[in-house]
Amino acid sequence: MGLCTTTLSYERTRLANSARTELNHRICDTALDLMGPYAALWQDSKHVVDDGHWHYEHMFTLGLIIGGGTSRIQKNAIAERALGLPK
């Protein structure tokens, strides 16, 4: 595989990871919105929905978004390296 092909593949992977993480976070956000006041309950509450899965997942995906570099930084890196756009 040539260097250009490898770079494009790497950048596609970064873009896919960023998009997947953002989508997962949005899905969790929507689920929490649908739960209304029950969304604020944590795992040990007797009225919690789905054992607190959505609340936990929402916070977890937020950590992935921040930990992997913000989405804007990821997209800028892809634009610079894969597309050759200026900084």
C-alpha atoms as a PDB file:
ATOM      1  CA  MET A   1       0.000   0.000   0.000  1.00  0.00           C
ATOM      2  CA  GLY A   2       1.323   3.428  -0.881  1.00  0.00           C
ATOM      3  CA  LEU A   3       1.754   6.233   1.593  1.00  0.00           C
ATOM      4  CA  CYS A   4      -1.145   8.220   0.143  1.00  0.00           C
ATOM      5  CA  THR A   5      -3.532   5.245   0.429  1.00  0.00           C
ATOM      6  CA  THR A   6      -2.431   4.561   3.997  1.00  0.00           C
ATOM      7  CA  THR A   7      -2.909   8.199   4.982  1.00  0.00           C
ATOM      8  CA  LEU A   8      -6.386   8.310   3.456  1.00  0.00           C
ATOM      9  CA  SER A   9      -7.348   5.088   5.208  1.00  0.00           C
ATOM     10  CA  TYR A  10      -6.077   6.448   8.530  1.00  0.00           C
ATOM     11  CA  GLU A  11      -7.988   9.708   8.093  1.00  0.00           C
ATOM     12  CA  ARG A  12     -11.170   7.833   7.149  1.00  0.00           C
ATOM     13  CA  THR A  13     -10.817   5.795  10.320  1.00  0.00           C
ATOM     14  CA  ARG A  14     -10.400   8.954  12.402  1.00  0.00           C
ATOM     15  CA  LEU A  15     -13.441  10.521  10.754  1.00  0.00           C
ATOM     16  CA  ALA A  16     -15.530   7.373  11.298  1.00  0.00           C
ATOM     17  CA  ASN A  17     -14.513   7.176  14.960  1.00  0.00           C
ATOM     18  CA  SER A  18     -15.350  10.823  15.516  1.00  0.00           C
ATOM     19  CA  ALA A  19     -18.721  10.505  13.773  1.00  0.00           C
ATOM     20  CA  ARG A  20     -19.611   7.312  15.649  1.00  0.00           C
ATOM     21  CA  THR A  21     -18.791   8.840  19.026  1.00  0.00           C
ATOM     22  CA  GLU A  22     -20.778  12.001  18.287  1.00  0.00           C
ATOM     23  CA  LEU A  23     -23.752   9.975  17.035  1.00  0.00           C
ATOM     24  CA  ASN A  24     -23.719   7.732  20.109  1.00  0.00           C
ATOM     25  CA  HIS A  25     -23.654  10.810  22.336  1.00  0.00           C
ATOM     26  CA  ARG A  26     -26.597  12.358  20.463  1.00  0.00           C
ATOM     27  CA  ILE A  27     -28.594   9.131  20.755  1.00  0.00           C
ATOM     28  CA  CYS A  28     -27.987   9.074  24.502  1.00  0.00           C
ATOM     29  CA  ASP A  29     -28.924  12.746  24.745  1.00  0.00           C
ATOM     30  CA  THR A  30     -32.201  12.051  22.934  1.00  0.00           C
ATOM     31  CA  ALA A  31     -32.952   9.076  25.188  1.00  0.00           C
ATOM     32  CA  LEU A  32     -32.383  11.236  28.261  1.00  0.00           C
ATOM     33  CA  ASP A  33     -34.669  13.931  26.837  1.00  0.00           C
ATOM     34  CA  LEU A  34     -37.400  11.335  26.311  1.00  0.00           C
ATOM     35  CA  MET A  35     -37.081  10.122  29.899  1.00  0.00           C
ATOM     36  CA  GLY A  36     -37.855  13.567  31.242  1.00  0.00           C
ATOM     37  CA  PRO A  37     -37.228  13.903  34.987  1.00  0.00           C
ATOM     38  CA  TYR A  38     -36.346  10.207  35.272  1.00  0.00           C
ATOM     39  CA  ALA A  39     -33.164  10.897  33.328  1.00  0.00           C
ATOM     40  CA  ALA A  40     -31.633  12.538  36.398  1.00  0.00           C
ATOM     41  CA  LEU A  41     -31.881   9.329  38.433  1.00  0.00           C
ATOM     42  CA  TRP A  42     -28.754   7.264  38.944  1.00  0.00           C
ATOM     43  CA  GLN A  43     -28.327   3.495  39.048  1.00  0.00           C
ATOM     44  CA  ASP A  44     -29.191   2.988  42.722  1.00  0.00           C
ATOM     45  CA  SER A  45     -32.611   4.695  42.520  1.00  0.00           C
ATOM     46  CA  LYS A  46     -35.647   2.411  42.547  1.00  0.00           C
ATOM     47  CA  HIS A  47     -37.315   4.416  39.732  1.00  0.00           C
ATOM     48  CA  VAL A  48     -34.318   4.483  37.400  1.00  0.00           C
ATOM     49  CA  VAL A  49     -34.950   3.603  33.733  1.00  0.00           C
ATOM     50  CA  ASP A  50     -32.860   0.808  32.122  1.00  0.00           C
ATOM     51  CA  ASP A  51     -30.634   0.509  35.199  1.00  0.00           C
ATOM     52  CA  GLY A  52     -29.127   3.921  34.466  1.00  0.00           C
ATOM     53  CA  HIS A  53     -27.605   2.741  31.197  1.00  0.00           C
ATOM     54  CA  TRP A  54     -28.419   5.908  29.243  1.00  0.00           C
ATOM     55  CA  HIS A  55     -27.124   8.263  31.902  1.00  0.00           C
ATOM     56  CA  TYR A  56     -23.882   6.305  32.223  1.00  0.00           C
ATOM     57  CA  GLU A  57     -23.438   5.995  28.453  1.00  0.00           C
ATOM     58  CA  HIS A  58     -24.090   9.724  27.960  1.00  0.00           C
ATOM     59  CA  MET A  59     -21.283  10.605  30.362  1.00  0.00           C
ATOM     60  CA  PHE A  60     -18.989   7.906  28.956  1.00  0.00           C
ATOM     61  CA  THR A  61     -19.355   9.102  25.359  1.00  0.00           C
ATOM     62  CA  LEU A  62     -18.767  12.686  26.450  1.00  0.00           C
ATOM     63  CA  GLY A  63     -15.459  11.502  27.907  1.00  0.00           C
ATOM     64  CA  LEU A  64     -14.587   9.820  24.600  1.00  0.00           C
ATOM     65  CA  ILE A  65     -15.358  12.987  22.665  1.00  0.00           C
ATOM     66  CA  ILE A  66     -13.152  15.075  24.944  1.00  0.00           C
ATOM     67  CA  GLY A  67     -10.440  12.439  25.436  1.00  0.00           C
ATOM     68  CA  GLY A  68      -9.976  11.776  21.728  1.00  0.00           C
ATOM     69  CA  GLY A  69      -9.585  15.457  21.009  1.00  0.00           C
ATOM     70  CA  THR A  70     -12.608  17.573  20.340  1.00  0.00           C
ATOM     71  CA  SER A  71     -14.487  16.849  17.157  1.00  0.00           C
ATOM     72  CA  ARG A  72     -13.430  20.165  15.699  1.00  0.00           C
ATOM     73  CA  ILE A  73      -9.750  19.361  16.267  1.00  0.00           C
ATOM     74  CA  GLN A  74     -10.222  15.914  14.699  1.00  0.00           C
ATOM     75  CA  LYS A  75     -11.950  17.413  11.658  1.00  0.00           C
ATOM     76  CA  ASN A  76      -9.267  20.086  11.279  1.00  0.00           C
ATOM     77  CA  ALA A  77      -6.540  17.436  11.345  1.00  0.00           C
ATOM     78  CA  ILE A  78      -8.364  15.429   8.693  1.00  0.00           C
ATOM     79  CA  ALA A  79      -8.861  18.511   6.511  1.00  0.00           C
ATOM     80  CA  GLU A  80      -5.180  19.432   6.755  1.00  0.00           C
ATOM     81  CA  ARG A  81      -3.692  15.985   6.224  1.00  0.00           C
ATOM     82  CA  ALA A  82      -6.088  14.141   3.958  1.00  0.00           C
ATOM     83  CA  LEU A  83      -7.473  17.009   1.923  1.00  0.00           C
ATOM     84  CA  GLY A  84      -4.360  19.192   1.958  1.00  0.00           C
ATOM     85  CA  LEU A  85      -6.247  22.258   3.152  1.00  0.00           C
ATOM     86  CA  PRO A  86      -4.250  25.072   4.770  1.00  0.00           C
ATOM     87  CA  LYS A  87      -4.013  25.416   8.534  1.00  0.00           C
END
